[in-house]
PDB file of all heavy atoms in Angstrom:
ATOM      1  N   LEU A   1     -25.766 -17.620 -21.877  1.00  0.00           N
ATOM      2  CA  LEU A   1     -26.421 -18.867 -21.461  1.00  0.00           C
ATOM      3  C   LEU A   1     -27.868 -18.653 -21.036  1.00  0.00           C
ATOM      4  O   LEU A   1     -28.486 -19.553 -20.473  1.00  0.00           O
ATOM      5  CB  LEU A   1     -25.643 -19.493 -20.296  1.00  0.00           C
ATOM      6  CG  LEU A   1     -24.242 -20.002 -20.626  1.00  0.00           C
ATOM      7  CD1 LEU A   1     -23.537 -20.464 -19.372  1.00  0.00           C
ATOM      8  CD2 LEU A   1     -24.339 -21.136 -21.635  1.00  0.00           C
ATOM      9  N   GLU A   2     -28.400 -17.458 -21.263  1.00  0.00           N
ATOM     10  CA  GLU A   2     -29.777 -17.090 -20.912  1.00  0.00           C
ATOM     11  C   GLU A   2     -30.021 -17.183 -19.410  1.00  0.00           C
ATOM     12  O   GLU A   2     -31.102 -17.557 -18.956  1.00  0.00           O
ATOM     13  CB  GLU A   2     -30.791 -17.953 -21.670  1.00  0.00           C
ATOM     14  CG  GLU A   2     -30.740 -17.764 -23.165  1.00  0.00           C
ATOM     15  CD  GLU A   2     -31.787 -18.575 -23.889  1.00  0.00           C
ATOM     16  OE1 GLU A   2     -32.550 -19.291 -23.196  1.00  0.00           O
ATOM     17  OE2 GLU A   2     -31.848 -18.487 -25.115  1.00  0.00           O
ATOM     18  N   ALA A   3     -28.991 -16.859 -18.619  1.00  0.00           N
ATOM     19  CA  ALA A   3     -29.118 -16.819 -17.165  1.00  0.00           C
ATOM     20  C   ALA A   3     -29.002 -15.370 -16.732  1.00  0.00           C
ATOM     21  O   ALA A   3     -27.995 -14.939 -16.156  1.00  0.00           O
ATOM     22  CB  ALA A   3     -28.060 -17.698 -16.511  1.00  0.00           C
ATOM     23  N   GLU A   4     -30.039 -14.596 -17.017  1.00  0.00           N
ATOM     24  CA  GLU A   4     -29.984 -13.160 -16.757  1.00  0.00           C
ATOM     25  C   GLU A   4     -29.917 -12.856 -15.264  1.00  0.00           C
ATOM     26  O   GLU A   4     -29.261 -11.902 -14.848  1.00  0.00           O
ATOM     27  CB  GLU A   4     -31.203 -12.472 -17.376  1.00  0.00           C
ATOM     28  CG  GLU A   4     -31.247 -12.510 -18.886  1.00  0.00           C
ATOM     29  CD  GLU A   4     -31.911 -13.761 -19.419  1.00  0.00           C
ATOM     30  OE1 GLU A   4     -32.427 -14.537 -18.585  1.00  0.00           O
ATOM     31  OE2 GLU A   4     -31.898 -13.963 -20.645  1.00  0.00           O
ATOM     32  N   PHE A   5     -30.605 -13.655 -14.464  1.00  0.00           N
ATOM     33  CA  PHE A   5     -30.607 -13.410 -13.022  1.00  0.00           C
ATOM     34  C   PHE A   5     -29.210 -13.576 -12.431  1.00  0.00           C
ATOM     35  O   PHE A   5     -28.748 -12.753 -11.633  1.00  0.00           O
ATOM     36  CB  PHE A   5     -31.589 -14.363 -12.336  1.00  0.00           C
ATOM     37  CG  PHE A   5     -31.612 -14.232 -10.841  1.00  0.00           C
ATOM     38  CD1 PHE A   5     -32.234 -13.153 -10.237  1.00  0.00           C
ATOM     39  CD2 PHE A   5     -31.003 -15.178 -10.041  1.00  0.00           C
ATOM     40  CE1 PHE A   5     -32.252 -13.022  -8.862  1.00  0.00           C
ATOM     41  CE2 PHE A   5     -31.008 -15.048  -8.666  1.00  0.00           C
ATOM     42  CZ  PHE A   5     -31.636 -13.966  -8.078  1.00  0.00           C
ATOM     43  N   LEU A   6     -28.500 -14.636 -12.833  1.00  0.00           N
ATOM     44  CA  LEU A   6     -27.137 -14.842 -12.338  1.00  0.00           C
ATOM     45  C   LEU A   6     -26.199 -13.745 -12.843  1.00  0.00           C
ATOM     46  O   LEU A   6     -25.298 -13.311 -12.123  1.00  0.00           O
ATOM     47  CB  LEU A   6     -26.632 -16.216 -12.769  1.00  0.00           C
ATOM     48  CG  LEU A   6     -27.333 -17.419 -12.150  1.00  0.00           C
ATOM     49  CD1 LEU A   6     -26.771 -18.709 -12.722  1.00  0.00           C
ATOM     50  CD2 LEU A   6     -27.199 -17.404 -10.641  1.00  0.00           C
ATOM     51  N   ALA A   7     -26.404 -13.294 -14.065  1.00  0.00           N
ATOM     52  CA  ALA A   7     -25.541 -12.243 -14.618  1.00  0.00           C
ATOM     53  C   ALA A   7     -25.711 -10.939 -13.861  1.00  0.00           C
ATOM     54  O   ALA A   7     -24.728 -10.297 -13.464  1.00  0.00           O
ATOM     55  CB  ALA A   7     -25.858 -12.046 -16.102  1.00  0.00           C
ATOM     56  N   ILE A   8     -26.963 -10.534 -13.617  1.00  0.00           N
ATOM     57  CA  ILE A   8     -27.170  -9.267 -12.910  1.00  0.00           C
ATOM     58  C   ILE A   8     -26.787  -9.398 -11.444  1.00  0.00           C
ATOM     59  O   ILE A   8     -26.316  -8.443 -10.822  1.00  0.00           O
ATOM     60  CB  ILE A   8     -28.631  -8.795 -13.062  1.00  0.00           C
ATOM     61  CG1 ILE A   8     -28.769  -7.321 -12.670  1.00  0.00           C
ATOM     62  CG2 ILE A   8     -29.579  -9.655 -12.274  1.00  0.00           C
ATOM     63  CD1 ILE A   8     -28.011  -6.378 -13.538  1.00  0.00           C
ATOM     64  N   THR A   9     -26.938 -10.601 -10.868  1.00  0.00           N
ATOM     65  CA  THR A   9     -26.498 -10.819  -9.492  1.00  0.00           C
ATOM     66  C   THR A   9     -24.985 -10.718  -9.391  1.00  0.00           C
ATOM     67  O   THR A   9     -24.448 -10.128  -8.432  1.00  0.00           O
ATOM     68  CB  THR A   9     -26.967 -12.193  -8.994  1.00  0.00           C
ATOM     69  OG1 THR A   9     -28.384 -12.269  -9.103  1.00  0.00           O
ATOM     70  CG2 THR A   9     -26.571 -12.414  -7.550  1.00  0.00           C
ATOM     71  N   LEU A  10     -24.284 -11.258 -10.357  1.00  0.00           N
ATOM     72  CA  LEU A  10     -22.824 -11.167 -10.363  1.00  0.00           C
ATOM     73  C   LEU A  10     -22.365  -9.720 -10.455  1.00  0.00           C
ATOM     74  O   LEU A  10     -21.431  -9.305  -9.756  1.00  0.00           O
ATOM     75  CB  LEU A  10     -22.258 -11.983 -11.527  1.00  0.00           C
ATOM     76  CG  LEU A  10     -20.741 -12.057 -11.660  1.00  0.00           C
ATOM     77  CD1 LEU A  10     -20.137 -12.763 -10.455  1.00  0.00           C
ATOM     78  CD2 LEU A  10     -20.341 -12.779 -12.930  1.00  0.00           C
ATOM     79  N   VAL A  11     -23.040  -8.929 -11.280  1.00  0.00           N
ATOM     80  CA  VAL A  11     -22.646  -7.529 -11.432  1.00  0.00           C
ATOM     81  C   VAL A  11     -22.987  -6.729 -10.183  1.00  0.00           C
ATOM     82  O   VAL A  11     -22.164  -5.958  -9.667  1.00  0.00           O
ATOM     83  CB  VAL A  11     -23.321  -6.921 -12.680  1.00  0.00           C
ATOM     84  CG1 VAL A  11     -23.104  -5.415 -12.733  1.00  0.00           C
ATOM     85  CG2 VAL A  11     -22.783  -7.570 -13.938  1.00  0.00           C
ATOM     86  N   LEU A  12     -24.196  -6.926  -9.651  1.00  0.00           N
ATOM     87  CA  LEU A  12     -24.628  -6.118  -8.507  1.00  0.00           C
ATOM     88  C   LEU A  12     -23.885  -6.484  -7.230  1.00  0.00           C
ATOM     89  O   LEU A  12     -23.448  -5.612  -6.487  1.00  0.00           O
ATOM     90  CB  LEU A  12     -26.139  -6.277  -8.302  1.00  0.00           C
ATOM     91  CG  LEU A  12     -27.037  -5.634  -9.353  1.00  0.00           C
ATOM     92  CD1 LEU A  12     -28.496  -5.899  -9.035  1.00  0.00           C
ATOM     93  CD2 LEU A  12     -26.780  -4.155  -9.445  1.00  0.00           C
ATOM     94  N   VAL A  13     -23.761  -7.789  -6.979  1.00  0.00           N
ATOM     95  CA  VAL A  13     -23.187  -8.220  -5.702  1.00  0.00           C
ATOM     96  C   VAL A  13     -21.671  -8.104  -5.721  1.00  0.00           C
ATOM     97  O   VAL A  13     -21.063  -7.464  -4.852  1.00  0.00           O
ATOM     98  CB  VAL A  13     -23.629  -9.653  -5.364  1.00  0.00           C
ATOM     99  CG1 VAL A  13     -22.925 -10.152  -4.107  1.00  0.00           C
ATOM    100  CG2 VAL A  13     -25.133  -9.708  -5.177  1.00  0.00           C
ATOM    101  N   TYR A  14     -21.024  -8.709  -6.709  1.00  0.00           N
ATOM    102  CA  TYR A  14     -19.566  -8.745  -6.704  1.00  0.00           C
ATOM    103  C   TYR A  14     -18.955  -7.440  -7.195  1.00  0.00           C
ATOM    104  O   TYR A  14     -18.095  -6.862  -6.535  1.00  0.00           O
ATOM    105  CB  TYR A  14     -19.070  -9.920  -7.541  1.00  0.00           C
ATOM    106  CG  TYR A  14     -19.207 -11.237  -6.824  1.00  0.00           C
ATOM    107  CD1 TYR A  14     -20.311 -12.044  -7.024  1.00  0.00           C
ATOM    108  CD2 TYR A  14     -18.241 -11.649  -5.923  1.00  0.00           C
ATOM    109  CE1 TYR A  14     -20.450 -13.240  -6.346  1.00  0.00           C
ATOM    110  CE2 TYR A  14     -18.365 -12.838  -5.241  1.00  0.00           C
ATOM    111  CZ  TYR A  14     -19.477 -13.626  -5.466  1.00  0.00           C
ATOM    112  OH  TYR A  14     -19.602 -14.808  -4.790  1.00  0.00           O
ATOM    113  N   VAL A  15     -19.386  -6.981  -8.366  1.00  0.00           N
ATOM    114  CA  VAL A  15     -18.798  -5.760  -8.902  1.00  0.00           C
ATOM    115  C   VAL A  15     -19.277  -4.541  -8.121  1.00  0.00           C
ATOM    116  O   VAL A  15     -18.497  -3.639  -7.794  1.00  0.00           O
ATOM    117  CB  VAL A  15     -19.131  -5.616 -10.403  1.00  0.00           C
ATOM    118  CG1 VAL A  15     -18.592  -4.312 -10.950  1.00  0.00           C
ATOM    119  CG2 VAL A  15     -18.563  -6.793 -11.179  1.00  0.00           C
ATOM    120  N   GLY A  16     -20.551  -4.508  -7.774  1.00  0.00           N
ATOM    121  CA  GLY A  16     -21.094  -3.329  -7.135  1.00  0.00           C
ATOM    122  C   GLY A  16     -20.831  -3.226  -5.653  1.00  0.00           C
ATOM    123  O   GLY A  16     -20.856  -2.130  -5.106  1.00  0.00           O
ATOM    124  N   ALA A  17     -20.584  -4.344  -4.979  1.00  0.00           N
ATOM    125  CA  ALA A  17     -20.422  -4.292  -3.520  1.00  0.00           C
ATOM    126  C   ALA A  17     -19.078  -4.851  -3.076  1.00  0.00           C
ATOM    127  O   ALA A  17     -18.278  -4.159  -2.445  1.00  0.00           O
ATOM    128  CB  ALA A  17     -21.566  -5.053  -2.851  1.00  0.00           C
ATOM    129  N   VAL A  18     -18.820  -6.102  -3.397  1.00  0.00           N
ATOM    130  CA  VAL A  18     -17.626  -6.769  -2.865  1.00  0.00           C
ATOM    131  C   VAL A  18     -16.359  -6.158  -3.437  1.00  0.00           C
ATOM    132  O   VAL A  18     -15.410  -5.860  -2.699  1.00  0.00           O
ATOM    133  CB  VAL A  18     -17.691  -8.287  -3.161  1.00  0.00           C
ATOM    134  CG1 VAL A  18     -16.426  -8.974  -2.693  1.00  0.00           C
ATOM    135  CG2 VAL A  18     -18.915  -8.903  -2.494  1.00  0.00           C
ATOM    136  N   MET A  19     -16.325  -5.930  -4.742  1.00  0.00           N
ATOM    137  CA  MET A  19     -15.102  -5.405  -5.331  1.00  0.00           C
ATOM    138  C   MET A  19     -14.869  -3.942  -4.961  1.00  0.00           C
ATOM    139  O   MET A  19     -13.725  -3.497  -4.874  1.00  0.00           O
ATOM    140  CB  MET A  19     -15.129  -5.560  -6.858  1.00  0.00           C
ATOM    141  CG  MET A  19     -15.124  -7.004  -7.312  1.00  0.00           C
ATOM    142  SD  MET A  19     -13.909  -8.015  -6.436  1.00  0.00           S
ATOM    143  CE  MET A  19     -12.405  -7.184  -6.792  1.00  0.00           C
ATOM    144  N   VAL A  20     -15.952  -3.190  -4.752  1.00  0.00           N
ATOM    145  CA  VAL A  20     -15.773  -1.820  -4.267  1.00  0.00           C
ATOM    146  C   VAL A  20     -15.169  -1.844  -2.867  1.00  0.00           C
ATOM    147  O   VAL A  20     -14.280  -1.040  -2.534  1.00  0.00           O
ATOM    148  CB  VAL A  20     -17.114  -1.074  -4.289  1.00  0.00           C
ATOM    149  CG1 VAL A  20     -17.003   0.277  -3.599  1.00  0.00           C
ATOM    150  CG2 VAL A  20     -17.589  -0.896  -5.722  1.00  0.00           C
ATOM    151  N   LEU A  21     -15.625  -2.779  -2.039  1.00  0.00           N
ATOM    152  CA  LEU A  21     -15.036  -2.921  -0.706  1.00  0.00           C
ATOM    153  C   LEU A  21     -13.568  -3.327  -0.799  1.00  0.00           C
ATOM    154  O   LEU A  21     -12.710  -2.777  -0.084  1.00  0.00           O
ATOM    155  CB  LEU A  21     -15.826  -3.951   0.095  1.00  0.00           C
ATOM    156  CG  LEU A  21     -15.307  -4.258   1.497  1.00  0.00           C
ATOM    157  CD1 LEU A  21     -15.390  -3.023   2.382  1.00  0.00           C
ATOM    158  CD2 LEU A  21     -16.097  -5.408   2.118  1.00  0.00           C
ATOM    159  N   PHE A  22     -13.242  -4.287  -1.670  1.00  0.00           N
ATOM    160  CA  PHE A  22     -11.847  -4.686  -1.871  1.00  0.00           C
ATOM    161  C   PHE A  22     -11.001  -3.502  -2.332  1.00  0.00           C
ATOM    162  O   PHE A  22      -9.885  -3.296  -1.846  1.00  0.00           O
ATOM    163  CB  PHE A  22     -11.762  -5.824  -2.898  1.00  0.00           C
ATOM    164  CG  PHE A  22     -12.114  -7.163  -2.350  1.00  0.00           C
ATOM    165  CD1 PHE A  22     -12.517  -7.321  -1.044  1.00  0.00           C
ATOM    166  CD2 PHE A  22     -12.045  -8.288  -3.157  1.00  0.00           C
ATOM    167  CE1 PHE A  22     -12.847  -8.560  -0.540  1.00  0.00           C
ATOM    168  CE2 PHE A  22     -12.373  -9.536  -2.662  1.00  0.00           C
ATOM    169  CZ  PHE A  22     -12.781  -9.662  -1.351  1.00  0.00           C
ATOM    170  N   LEU A  23     -11.520  -2.743  -3.284  1.00  0.00           N
ATOM    171  CA  LEU A  23     -10.777  -1.597  -3.799  1.00  0.00           C
ATOM    172  C   LEU A  23     -10.563  -0.559  -2.705  1.00  0.00           C
ATOM    173  O   LEU A  23      -9.473   0.016  -2.582  1.00  0.00           O
ATOM    174  CB  LEU A  23     -11.535  -0.997  -4.977  1.00  0.00           C
ATOM    175  CG  LEU A  23     -10.861   0.163  -5.713  1.00  0.00           C
ATOM    176  CD1 LEU A  23      -9.540  -0.290  -6.301  1.00  0.00           C
ATOM    177  CD2 LEU A  23     -11.784   0.679  -6.801  1.00  0.00           C
ATOM    178  N   PHE A  24     -11.574  -0.340  -1.880  1.00  0.00           N
ATOM    179  CA  PHE A  24     -11.435   0.621  -0.780  1.00  0.00           C
ATOM    180  C   PHE A  24     -10.380   0.160   0.214  1.00  0.00           C
ATOM    181  O   PHE A  24      -9.540   0.945   0.664  1.00  0.00           O
ATOM    182  CB  PHE A  24     -12.796   0.791  -0.089  1.00  0.00           C
ATOM    183  CG  PHE A  24     -12.762   1.734   1.062  1.00  0.00           C
ATOM    184  CD1 PHE A  24     -12.669   3.103   0.868  1.00  0.00           C
ATOM    185  CD2 PHE A  24     -12.814   1.260   2.364  1.00  0.00           C
ATOM    186  CE1 PHE A  24     -12.632   3.980   1.934  1.00  0.00           C
ATOM    187  CE2 PHE A  24     -12.780   2.126   3.440  1.00  0.00           C
ATOM    188  CZ  PHE A  24     -12.691   3.484   3.224  1.00  0.00           C
TER     189      PHE A  24
END
């Protein structure tokens, strides 16, 4: 959808931080 900022924010914030915390 050409929303690169939202895509990288989703990866960095949720996958990189929140989900790592959930997994821990």
